[in-house]
């Protein structure tokens, strides 16, 4: 006489399907975690690159801004009338990093608060100081902006016998 297992028929298949489903769900969670980690890494990398890009804009424009002190008030008035648009004298600055042909950053200026409130006029500089603002546009998903206070020193004569010397020779006069 042969015994048949009618009640246990297919239970091994059901256990196998549950195990496969659990493994697939676990794999999906691991893939999702890895993709999220990759996205976060890309955002961090782009954020650092965007910050360096904005800092490169400051470095490229610093000399031009200082050399064009007579144009500051006209450029400040232009900035007040056209927020976010570069003043014309900053168009001469190279806006490219690397070999591409698309500008990597936008340069603007802003007056520091050099008048007593409430009479502050952002279109006029009174203390020979303005902010140079560089905004990286190379990474639109993660734009960074940095600013630096630029002060006009007025130039003057450089004497070898003065403290600090001339031409960066320190105190070796």
Protein backbone atom coordinates (compact mmCIF):
# COMPACT_ATOMS: atom_id res chain seq x y z
CA UNK A 1 0.00 0.00 0.00
CA UNK A 2 1.38 3.36 -1.00
CA UNK A 3 0.85 6.47 1.01
CA UNK A 4 0.23 9.71 -0.70
CA UNK A 5 0.91 13.10 0.72
CA UNK A 6 -2.02 15.15 -0.34
CA UNK A 7 -1.73 17.82 2.34
CA UNK A 8 1.95 18.68 1.84
CA UNK A 9 1.74 18.92 -1.91
CA UNK A 10 3.26 22.27 -3.10
CA UNK A 11 4.48 23.45 0.32
CA UNK A 12 8.13 23.25 -0.80
CA UNK A 13 7.27 25.41 -3.81
CA UNK A 14 5.56 27.95 -1.54
CA UNK A 15 8.56 28.13 0.82
CA UNK A 16 10.89 28.54 -2.17
CA UNK A 17 8.77 31.37 -3.59
CA UNK A 18 8.72 33.19 -0.22
CA UNK A 19 12.51 32.89 0.08
CA UNK A 20 13.06 34.15 -3.48
CA UNK A 21 10.67 37.07 -2.84
CA UNK A 22 12.53 38.00 0.36
CA UNK A 23 15.88 37.86 -1.45
CA UNK A 24 14.55 40.03 -4.28
CA UNK A 25 13.13 42.57 -1.81
CA UNK A 26 16.44 42.68 0.08
CA UNK A 27 18.33 43.14 -3.18
CA UNK A 28 16.02 45.97 -4.20
CA UNK A 29 16.63 47.72 -0.88
CA UNK A 30 20.40 47.37 -1.29
CA UNK A 31 20.27 48.73 -4.85
CA UNK A 32 18.15 51.68 -3.69
CA UNK A 33 20.61 52.44 -0.86
CA UNK A 34 23.55 52.30 -3.26
CA UNK A 35 21.82 54.61 -5.76
CA UNK A 36 21.02 57.08 -2.99
CA UNK A 37 24.62 56.97 -1.83
CA UNK A 38 25.87 57.57 -5.39
CA UNK A 39 23.49 60.52 -5.80
CA UNK A 40 24.69 62.03 -2.51
CA UNK A 41 28.32 61.57 -3.58
CA UNK A 42 27.62 63.27 -6.91
CA UNK A 43 25.91 66.19 -5.16
CA UNK A 44 28.88 66.59 -2.80
CA UNK A 45 31.37 66.41 -5.66
CA UNK A 46 29.37 68.92 -7.72
CA UNK A 47 29.04 71.18 -4.68
CA UNK A 48 32.80 71.24 -4.16
CA UNK A 49 33.44 71.77 -7.87
CA UNK A 50 30.86 74.56 -7.92
CA UNK A 51 32.51 76.25 -4.93
CA UNK A 52 35.93 76.03 -6.60
CA UNK A 53 34.41 77.43 -9.79
CA UNK A 54 32.98 80.43 -7.92
CA UNK A 55 36.32 81.00 -6.16
CA UNK A 56 38.08 80.91 -9.54
CA UNK A 57 35.77 83.71 -10.65
CA UNK A 58 36.87 85.82 -7.68
CA UNK A 59 40.53 85.16 -8.43
CA UNK A 60 40.10 86.04 -12.11
CA UNK A 61 38.21 89.30 -11.47
CA UNK A 62 39.98 90.66 -8.39
CA UNK A 63 42.62 92.60 -10.36
CA UNK A 64 40.13 93.95 -12.90
CA UNK A 65 37.83 95.26 -10.17
CA UNK A 66 40.67 96.94 -8.31
CA UNK A 67 42.07 98.47 -11.52
CA UNK A 68 38.70 99.94 -12.50
CA UNK A 69 37.97 101.90 -9.34
CA UNK A 70 36.81 105.00 -11.32
CA UNK A 71 34.00 102.86 -12.80
CA UNK A 72 32.69 101.54 -9.47
CA UNK A 73 29.87 104.05 -8.96
CA UNK A 74 28.61 103.67 -12.54
CA UNK A 75 28.80 99.90 -12.20
CA UNK A 76 26.98 99.98 -8.84
CA UNK A 77 24.22 102.11 -10.36
CA UNK A 78 24.05 99.61 -13.25
CA UNK A 79 23.79 96.72 -10.77
CA UNK A 80 20.95 98.39 -8.88
CA UNK A 81 19.05 98.91 -12.14
CA UNK A 82 19.92 95.44 -13.51
CA UNK A 83 20.25 92.95 -10.64
CA UNK A 84 22.20 89.83 -11.54
CA UNK A 85 23.61 91.30 -14.77
CA UNK A 86 27.35 91.82 -14.99
CA UNK A 87 28.64 95.38 -15.11
CA UNK A 88 30.19 96.08 -18.53
CA UNK A 89 33.78 96.43 -17.29
CA UNK A 90 33.68 92.83 -15.96
CA UNK A 91 33.03 91.47 -19.48
CA UNK A 92 36.80 91.65 -20.10
CA UNK A 93 37.45 88.97 -17.45
CA UNK A 94 37.89 85.43 -18.78
CA UNK A 95 34.80 83.49 -17.64
CA UNK A 96 36.07 80.08 -18.75
CA UNK A 97 37.66 77.33 -16.73
CA UNK A 98 39.28 74.77 -18.96
CA UNK A 99 38.80 74.39 -22.70
CA UNK A 100 35.01 74.66 -22.95
CA UNK A 101 33.34 77.68 -24.58
CA UNK A 102 30.43 78.12 -22.16
CA UNK A 103 30.96 80.70 -19.37
CA UNK A 104 31.39 79.03 -15.99
CA UNK A 105 30.56 81.91 -13.64
CA UNK A 106 28.84 85.30 -13.46
CA UNK A 107 30.48 88.25 -11.73
CA UNK A 108 28.62 91.07 -10.04
CA UNK A 109 29.45 93.77 -7.53
CA UNK A 110 27.56 95.25 -4.60
CA UNK A 111 28.20 98.18 -2.31
CA UNK A 112 28.90 97.48 1.32
CA UNK A 113 26.77 99.33 3.85
CA UNK A 114 28.92 102.45 4.01
CA UNK A 115 26.31 105.05 4.87
CA UNK A 116 24.39 105.29 8.11
CA UNK A 117 20.96 103.67 7.91
CA UNK A 118 18.35 104.48 6.71
CA UNK A 119 20.25 106.61 4.15
CA UNK A 120 22.23 103.67 2.70
CA UNK A 121 22.58 104.07 -1.06
CA UNK A 122 23.65 100.82 -2.79
CA UNK A 123 24.42 102.73 -6.01
CA UNK A 124 27.19 104.90 -4.48
CA UNK A 125 30.47 103.89 -2.88
CA UNK A 126 31.74 106.18 -0.11
CA UNK A 127 34.46 104.18 1.63
CA UNK A 128 36.47 102.69 -1.27
CA UNK A 129 35.11 99.18 -0.55
CA UNK A 130 32.74 97.01 -2.56
CA UNK A 131 31.81 93.34 -2.63
CA UNK A 132 32.84 91.26 -5.62
CA UNK A 133 30.36 88.40 -6.04
CA UNK A 134 31.06 85.32 -8.14
CA UNK A 135 28.28 82.82 -8.89
CA UNK A 136 29.14 79.50 -10.52
CA UNK A 137 26.64 78.61 -13.26
CA UNK A 138 28.49 75.54 -14.53
CA UNK A 139 26.54 73.26 -12.18
CA UNK A 140 22.90 74.46 -12.29
CA UNK A 141 21.73 71.76 -9.86
CA UNK A 142 24.16 72.95 -7.21
CA UNK A 143 25.04 76.64 -7.73
CA UNK A 144 27.48 78.26 -5.33
CA UNK A 145 28.13 81.92 -4.70
CA UNK A 146 31.09 83.51 -2.95
CA UNK A 147 31.81 87.14 -2.24
CA UNK A 148 34.86 89.10 -1.24
CA UNK A 149 35.28 92.63 0.06
CA UNK A 150 37.56 94.57 -2.29
CA UNK A 151 39.26 97.73 -1.03
CA UNK A 152 40.83 100.37 -3.24
CA UNK A 153 44.14 101.48 -1.75
CA UNK A 154 44.76 104.33 -4.15
CA UNK A 155 48.14 103.19 -5.37
CA UNK A 156 51.07 105.44 -4.50
CA UNK A 157 54.81 105.18 -4.73
CA UNK A 158 56.76 102.12 -3.73
CA UNK A 159 60.09 102.76 -2.00
CA UNK A 160 62.68 100.06 -1.41
CA UNK A 161 63.50 101.46 2.03
CA UNK A 162 59.93 101.37 3.33
CA UNK A 163 58.80 98.74 5.83
CA UNK A 164 58.12 95.52 3.98
CA UNK A 165 60.17 96.61 1.02
CA UNK A 166 59.15 96.93 -2.59
CA UNK A 167 58.30 94.06 -4.87
CA UNK A 168 57.78 91.53 -2.10
CA UNK A 169 61.34 91.43 -0.75
CA UNK A 170 60.15 91.49 2.86
CA UNK A 171 62.41 93.39 5.23
CA UNK A 172 65.53 92.64 3.22
CA UNK A 173 65.88 96.26 2.05
